[in-house]
PDB file of all heavy atoms in Angstrom:
ATOM      1  N   LEU A   1     -14.154  -5.184 -10.979  1.00  0.00           N
ATOM      2  CA  LEU A   1     -14.001  -5.825  -9.556  1.00  0.00           C
ATOM      3  C   LEU A   1     -13.294  -4.955  -8.679  1.00  0.00           C
ATOM      4  O   LEU A   1     -12.256  -4.612  -8.949  1.00  0.00           O
ATOM      5  CB  LEU A   1     -13.462  -7.180  -9.593  1.00  0.00           C
ATOM      6  CG  LEU A   1     -13.388  -8.042  -8.390  1.00  0.00           C
ATOM      7  CD1 LEU A   1     -14.859  -8.404  -8.019  1.00  0.00           C
ATOM      8  CD2 LEU A   1     -12.624  -9.408  -8.650  1.00  0.00           C
ATOM      9  N   GLY A   2     -14.029  -4.653  -7.439  1.00  0.00           N
ATOM     10  CA  GLY A   2     -13.289  -3.824  -6.542  1.00  0.00           C
ATOM     11  C   GLY A   2     -13.660  -2.290  -6.677  1.00  0.00           C
ATOM     12  O   GLY A   2     -13.245  -1.446  -5.898  1.00  0.00           O
ATOM     13  N   GLY A   3     -14.355  -1.939  -7.839  1.00  0.00           N
ATOM     14  CA  GLY A   3     -14.629  -0.518  -8.103  1.00  0.00           C
ATOM     15  C   GLY A   3     -15.947   0.115  -7.773  1.00  0.00           C
ATOM     16  O   GLY A   3     -16.146   1.267  -7.953  1.00  0.00           O
ATOM     17  N   SER A   4     -16.574  -0.700  -6.769  1.00  0.00           N
ATOM     18  CA  SER A   4     -17.916  -0.221  -6.386  1.00  0.00           C
ATOM     19  C   SER A   4     -17.705   1.019  -5.492  1.00  0.00           C
ATOM     20  O   SER A   4     -16.879   0.990  -4.634  1.00  0.00           O
ATOM     21  CB  SER A   4     -18.629  -1.315  -5.625  1.00  0.00           C
ATOM     22  OG  SER A   4     -19.791  -0.790  -4.824  1.00  0.00           O
ATOM     23  N   ILE A   5     -18.558   2.009  -5.601  1.00  0.00           N
ATOM     24  CA  ILE A   5     -18.595   3.168  -4.829  1.00  0.00           C
ATOM     25  C   ILE A   5     -19.651   2.972  -3.630  1.00  0.00           C
ATOM     26  O   ILE A   5     -19.411   3.480  -2.494  1.00  0.00           O
ATOM     27  CB  ILE A   5     -18.931   4.442  -5.646  1.00  0.00           C
ATOM     28  CG1 ILE A   5     -17.786   4.863  -6.553  1.00  0.00           C
ATOM     29  CG2 ILE A   5     -19.230   5.638  -4.727  1.00  0.00           C
ATOM     30  CD1 ILE A   5     -18.008   6.010  -7.444  1.00  0.00           C
ATOM     31  N   GLU A   6     -20.735   2.408  -4.064  1.00  0.00           N
ATOM     32  CA  GLU A   6     -21.828   2.204  -3.096  1.00  0.00           C
ATOM     33  C   GLU A   6     -21.506   1.316  -1.825  1.00  0.00           C
ATOM     34  O   GLU A   6     -21.951   1.731  -0.706  1.00  0.00           O
ATOM     35  CB  GLU A   6     -22.912   1.466  -3.710  1.00  0.00           C
ATOM     36  CG  GLU A   6     -23.845   2.234  -4.645  1.00  0.00           C
ATOM     37  CD  GLU A   6     -24.359   3.590  -4.022  1.00  0.00           C
ATOM     38  OE1 GLU A   6     -24.899   3.463  -2.919  1.00  0.00           O
ATOM     39  OE2 GLU A   6     -24.289   4.559  -4.630  1.00  0.00           O
ATOM     40  N   LYS A   7     -20.430   0.391  -1.968  1.00  0.00           N
ATOM     41  CA  LYS A   7     -19.946  -0.246  -0.831  1.00  0.00           C
ATOM     42  C   LYS A   7     -19.176   0.629   0.277  1.00  0.00           C
ATOM     43  O   LYS A   7     -18.751   0.184   1.350  1.00  0.00           O
ATOM     44  CB  LYS A   7     -19.157  -1.499  -1.231  1.00  0.00           C
ATOM     45  CG  LYS A   7     -17.678  -1.134  -1.854  1.00  0.00           C
ATOM     46  CD  LYS A   7     -17.048  -2.404  -2.318  1.00  0.00           C
ATOM     47  CE  LYS A   7     -15.679  -1.907  -2.896  1.00  0.00           C
ATOM     48  NZ  LYS A   7     -14.966  -3.112  -3.418  1.00  0.00           N
ATOM     49  N   LEU A   8     -18.769   1.814  -0.208  1.00  0.00           N
ATOM     50  CA  LEU A   8     -17.966   2.721   0.658  1.00  0.00           C
ATOM     51  C   LEU A   8     -18.860   3.412   1.595  1.00  0.00           C
ATOM     52  O   LEU A   8     -18.940   4.728   1.508  1.00  0.00           O
ATOM     53  CB  LEU A   8     -17.208   3.566  -0.278  1.00  0.00           C
ATOM     54  CG  LEU A   8     -16.282   3.025  -1.314  1.00  0.00           C
ATOM     55  CD1 LEU A   8     -15.496   4.051  -2.153  1.00  0.00           C
ATOM     56  CD2 LEU A   8     -15.225   2.081  -0.494  1.00  0.00           C
ATOM     57  N   PHE A   9     -19.506   2.768   2.430  1.00  0.00           N
ATOM     58  CA  PHE A   9     -20.523   3.284   3.457  1.00  0.00           C
ATOM     59  C   PHE A   9     -21.814   3.911   2.993  1.00  0.00           C
ATOM     60  O   PHE A   9     -22.373   4.644   3.774  1.00  0.00           O
ATOM     61  CB  PHE A   9     -19.635   4.266   4.391  1.00  0.00           C
ATOM     62  CG  PHE A   9     -18.310   3.721   4.756  1.00  0.00           C
ATOM     63  CD1 PHE A   9     -17.183   4.249   4.381  1.00  0.00           C
ATOM     64  CD2 PHE A   9     -18.297   2.601   5.768  1.00  0.00           C
ATOM     65  CE1 PHE A   9     -16.030   3.758   4.648  1.00  0.00           C
ATOM     66  CE2 PHE A   9     -17.065   2.202   6.156  1.00  0.00           C
ATOM     67  CZ  PHE A   9     -15.947   2.761   5.623  1.00  0.00           C
ATOM     68  N   TYR A  10     -22.129   3.804   1.614  1.00  0.00           N
ATOM     69  CA  TYR A  10     -23.403   4.420   1.181  1.00  0.00           C
ATOM     70  C   TYR A  10     -24.351   3.287   1.356  1.00  0.00           C
ATOM     71  O   TYR A  10     -25.517   3.580   1.745  1.00  0.00           O
ATOM     72  CB  TYR A  10     -23.189   4.776  -0.184  1.00  0.00           C
ATOM     73  CG  TYR A  10     -22.320   6.021  -0.509  1.00  0.00           C
ATOM     74  CD1 TYR A  10     -20.980   5.867  -0.985  1.00  0.00           C
ATOM     75  CD2 TYR A  10     -22.761   7.235  -0.192  1.00  0.00           C
ATOM     76  CE1 TYR A  10     -20.194   6.889  -1.213  1.00  0.00           C
ATOM     77  CE2 TYR A  10     -21.931   8.292  -0.385  1.00  0.00           C
ATOM     78  CZ  TYR A  10     -20.642   8.116  -0.751  1.00  0.00           C
ATOM     79  OH  TYR A  10     -19.827   9.404  -1.050  1.00  0.00           O
ATOM     80  N   LEU A  11     -24.218   2.120   1.011  1.00  0.00           N
ATOM     81  CA  LEU A  11     -25.189   0.971   0.988  1.00  0.00           C
ATOM     82  C   LEU A  11     -24.988   0.209   2.262  1.00  0.00           C
ATOM     83  O   LEU A  11     -23.940  -0.530   2.481  1.00  0.00           O
ATOM     84  CB  LEU A  11     -24.891   0.093  -0.169  1.00  0.00           C
ATOM     85  CG  LEU A  11     -25.957  -1.116  -0.392  1.00  0.00           C
ATOM     86  CD1 LEU A  11     -27.378  -0.592  -0.572  1.00  0.00           C
ATOM     87  CD2 LEU A  11     -25.539  -1.858  -1.669  1.00  0.00           C
ATOM     88  N   PRO A  12     -25.844   0.228   3.227  1.00  0.00           N
ATOM     89  CA  PRO A  12     -25.822  -0.445   4.361  1.00  0.00           C
ATOM     90  C   PRO A  12     -25.899  -1.962   4.138  1.00  0.00           C
ATOM     91  O   PRO A  12     -26.648  -2.411   3.138  1.00  0.00           O
ATOM     92  CB  PRO A  12     -27.022  -0.159   5.209  1.00  0.00           C
ATOM     93  CG  PRO A  12     -27.350   1.145   4.767  1.00  0.00           C
ATOM     94  CD  PRO A  12     -27.121   1.108   3.222  1.00  0.00           C
ATOM     95  N   GLU A  13     -25.249  -2.915   5.002  1.00  0.00           N
ATOM     96  CA  GLU A  13     -25.199  -4.414   4.775  1.00  0.00           C
ATOM     97  C   GLU A  13     -24.733  -4.717   3.301  1.00  0.00           C
ATOM     98  O   GLU A  13     -25.279  -5.688   2.842  1.00  0.00           O
ATOM     99  CB  GLU A  13     -26.682  -4.925   5.130  1.00  0.00           C
ATOM    100  CG  GLU A  13     -27.361  -4.350   6.360  1.00  0.00           C
ATOM    101  CD  GLU A  13     -26.538  -4.830   7.622  1.00  0.00           C
ATOM    102  OE1 GLU A  13     -25.877  -5.902   7.565  1.00  0.00           O
ATOM    103  OE2 GLU A  13     -26.800  -4.134   8.635  1.00  0.00           O
ATOM    104  N   ALA A  14     -23.759  -4.102   2.990  1.00  0.00           N
ATOM    105  CA  ALA A  14     -23.199  -4.316   1.616  1.00  0.00           C
ATOM    106  C   ALA A  14     -22.733  -5.833   1.465  1.00  0.00           C
ATOM    107  O   ALA A  14     -22.969  -6.345   0.391  1.00  0.00           O
ATOM    108  CB  ALA A  14     -22.204  -3.430   1.186  1.00  0.00           C
ATOM    109  N   HIS A  15     -22.071  -6.356   2.470  1.00  0.00           N
ATOM    110  CA  HIS A  15     -21.601  -7.684   2.310  1.00  0.00           C
ATOM    111  C   HIS A  15     -22.468  -8.839   2.898  1.00  0.00           C
ATOM    112  O   HIS A  15     -22.231 -10.032   2.706  1.00  0.00           O
ATOM    113  CB  HIS A  15     -20.229  -7.815   3.139  1.00  0.00           C
ATOM    114  CG  HIS A  15     -20.386  -7.463   4.532  1.00  0.00           C
ATOM    115  ND1 HIS A  15     -20.949  -6.330   5.029  1.00  0.00           N
ATOM    116  CD2 HIS A  15     -20.227  -8.276   5.734  1.00  0.00           C
ATOM    117  CE1 HIS A  15     -20.979  -6.291   6.459  1.00  0.00           C
ATOM    118  NE2 HIS A  15     -20.601  -7.354   6.777  1.00  0.00           N
ATOM    119  N   THR A  16     -23.648  -8.334   3.186  1.00  0.00           N
ATOM    120  CA  THR A  16     -24.705  -9.415   3.792  1.00  0.00           C
ATOM    121  C   THR A  16     -25.983  -9.376   2.852  1.00  0.00           C
ATOM    122  O   THR A  16     -25.983 -10.033   1.769  1.00  0.00           O
ATOM    123  CB  THR A  16     -25.030  -9.166   5.106  1.00  0.00           C
ATOM    124  OG1 THR A  16     -25.635  -7.776   5.355  1.00  0.00           O
ATOM    125  CG2 THR A  16     -23.898  -9.396   6.054  1.00  0.00           C
ATOM    126  N   ASP A  17     -26.964  -8.603   3.272  1.00  0.00           N
ATOM    127  CA  ASP A  17     -28.212  -8.615   2.483  1.00  0.00           C
ATOM    128  C   ASP A  17     -28.123  -8.059   1.088  1.00  0.00           C
ATOM    129  O   ASP A  17     -28.969  -8.434   0.312  1.00  0.00           O
ATOM    130  CB  ASP A  17     -29.257  -7.839   3.394  1.00  0.00           C
ATOM    131  CG  ASP A  17     -29.510  -8.580   4.695  1.00  0.00           C
ATOM    132  OD1 ASP A  17     -29.135  -9.715   4.881  1.00  0.00           O
ATOM    133  OD2 ASP A  17     -30.084  -7.788   5.601  1.00  0.00           O
ATOM    134  N   PHE A  18     -27.250  -7.027   0.854  1.00  0.00           N
ATOM    135  CA  PHE A  18     -27.136  -6.336  -0.431  1.00  0.00           C
ATOM    136  C   PHE A  18     -25.949  -6.648  -1.114  1.00  0.00           C
ATOM    137  O   PHE A  18     -25.318  -5.863  -1.892  1.00  0.00           O
ATOM    138  CB  PHE A  18     -27.357  -4.883  -0.110  1.00  0.00           C
ATOM    139  CG  PHE A  18     -28.748  -4.466   0.140  1.00  0.00           C
ATOM    140  CD1 PHE A  18     -29.320  -4.483   1.403  1.00  0.00           C
ATOM    141  CD2 PHE A  18     -29.598  -4.064  -0.834  1.00  0.00           C
ATOM    142  CE1 PHE A  18     -30.686  -4.229   1.674  1.00  0.00           C
ATOM    143  CE2 PHE A  18     -31.009  -3.753  -0.642  1.00  0.00           C
ATOM    144  CZ  PHE A  18     -31.471  -3.780   0.560  1.00  0.00           C
ATOM    145  N   LEU A  19     -25.356  -7.888  -1.074  1.00  0.00           N
ATOM    146  CA  LEU A  19     -24.234  -8.253  -1.813  1.00  0.00           C
ATOM    147  C   LEU A  19     -24.443  -8.285  -3.271  1.00  0.00           C
ATOM    148  O   LEU A  19     -23.644  -7.980  -4.014  1.00  0.00           O
ATOM    149  CB  LEU A  19     -23.841  -9.770  -1.321  1.00  0.00           C
ATOM    150  CG  LEU A  19     -22.530 -10.251  -1.968  1.00  0.00           C
ATOM    151  CD1 LEU A  19     -21.303  -9.527  -1.301  1.00  0.00           C
ATOM    152  CD2 LEU A  19     -22.427 -11.785  -1.721  1.00  0.00           C
ATOM    153  N   LEU A  20     -25.706  -8.730  -3.644  1.00  0.00           N
ATOM    154  CA  LEU A  20     -26.026  -8.703  -5.080  1.00  0.00           C
ATOM    155  C   LEU A  20     -26.035  -7.312  -5.746  1.00  0.00           C
ATOM    156  O   LEU A  20     -25.498  -7.158  -6.916  1.00  0.00           O
ATOM    157  CB  LEU A  20     -27.381  -9.339  -5.296  1.00  0.00           C
ATOM    158  CG  LEU A  20     -27.866  -9.557  -6.901  1.00  0.00           C
ATOM    159  CD1 LEU A  20     -26.976 -10.797  -7.323  1.00  0.00           C
ATOM    160  CD2 LEU A  20     -29.186  -9.846  -7.100  1.00  0.00           C
ATOM    161  N   ALA A  21     -26.203  -6.306  -5.006  1.00  0.00           N
ATOM    162  CA  ALA A  21     -26.287  -4.888  -5.545  1.00  0.00           C
ATOM    163  C   ALA A  21     -24.755  -4.583  -5.759  1.00  0.00           C
ATOM    164  O   ALA A  21     -24.479  -3.882  -6.760  1.00  0.00           O
ATOM    165  CB  ALA A  21     -26.719  -3.935  -4.484  1.00  0.00           C
ATOM    166  N   VAL A  22     -23.855  -4.928  -4.844  1.00  0.00           N
ATOM    167  CA  VAL A  22     -22.501  -4.620  -5.109  1.00  0.00           C
ATOM    168  C   VAL A  22     -21.844  -5.494  -6.306  1.00  0.00           C
ATOM    169  O   VAL A  22     -21.212  -4.967  -7.118  1.00  0.00           O
ATOM    170  CB  VAL A  22     -21.587  -4.991  -3.861  1.00  0.00           C
ATOM    171  CG1 VAL A  22     -20.150  -4.807  -4.103  1.00  0.00           C
ATOM    172  CG2 VAL A  22     -22.001  -4.172  -2.718  1.00  0.00           C
ATOM    173  N   LEU A  23     -22.361  -6.686  -6.400  1.00  0.00           N
ATOM    174  CA  LEU A  23     -21.927  -7.477  -7.524  1.00  0.00           C
ATOM    175  C   LEU A  23     -22.440  -6.817  -8.913  1.00  0.00           C
ATOM    176  O   LEU A  23     -21.712  -6.858  -9.837  1.00  0.00           O
ATOM    177  CB  LEU A  23     -22.455  -8.874  -7.378  1.00  0.00           C
ATOM    178  CG  LEU A  23     -22.125 -10.048  -8.468  1.00  0.00           C
ATOM    179  CD1 LEU A  23     -22.123 -11.382  -7.769  1.00  0.00           C
ATOM    180  CD2 LEU A  23     -23.119  -9.954  -9.536  1.00  0.00           C
ATOM    181  N   ALA A  24     -23.679  -6.370  -8.899  1.00  0.00           N
ATOM    182  CA  ALA A  24     -24.274  -5.794  -9.987  1.00  0.00           C
ATOM    183  C   ALA A  24     -23.442  -4.520 -10.511  1.00  0.00           C
ATOM    184  O   ALA A  24     -23.331  -4.348 -11.628  1.00  0.00           O
ATOM    185  CB  ALA A  24     -25.648  -5.408  -9.700  1.00  0.00           C
ATOM    186  N   GLU A  25     -23.020  -3.674  -9.408  1.00  0.00           N
ATOM    187  CA  GLU A  25     -22.231  -2.535  -9.704  1.00  0.00           C
ATOM    188  C   GLU A  25     -20.880  -2.959 -10.338  1.00  0.00           C
ATOM    189  O   GLU A  25     -20.319  -2.214 -11.269  1.00  0.00           O
ATOM    190  CB  GLU A  25     -22.002  -1.737  -8.514  1.00  0.00           C
ATOM    191  CG  GLU A  25     -21.391  -0.382  -8.788  1.00  0.00           C
ATOM    192  CD  GLU A  25     -21.231   0.434  -7.511  1.00  0.00           C
ATOM    193  OE1 GLU A  25     -21.610  -0.015  -6.325  1.00  0.00           O
ATOM    194  OE2 GLU A  25     -20.719   1.617  -7.620  1.00  0.00           O
ATOM    195  N   GLU A  26     -20.193  -3.971  -9.829  1.00  0.00           N
ATOM    196  CA  GLU A  26     -18.851  -4.281 -10.174  1.00  0.00           C
ATOM    197  C   GLU A  26     -18.729  -5.114 -11.358  1.00  0.00           C
ATOM    198  O   GLU A  26     -17.867  -5.096 -12.249  1.00  0.00           O
ATOM    199  CB  GLU A  26     -18.061  -4.912  -9.011  1.00  0.00           C
ATOM    200  CG  GLU A  26     -18.028  -4.023  -7.938  1.00  0.00           C
ATOM    201  CD  GLU A  26     -17.012  -4.571  -6.722  1.00  0.00           C
ATOM    202  OE1 GLU A  26     -16.739  -5.646  -6.706  1.00  0.00           O
ATOM    203  OE2 GLU A  26     -16.658  -3.727  -5.874  1.00  0.00           O
TER     204      GLU A  26
END
């Protein structure tokens, strides 16, 4: 938890449309 790299400006809309991708990474 909190260790995602993609949420660091690589993946657009990380907290909206692509929240599941961040969840999958973490």
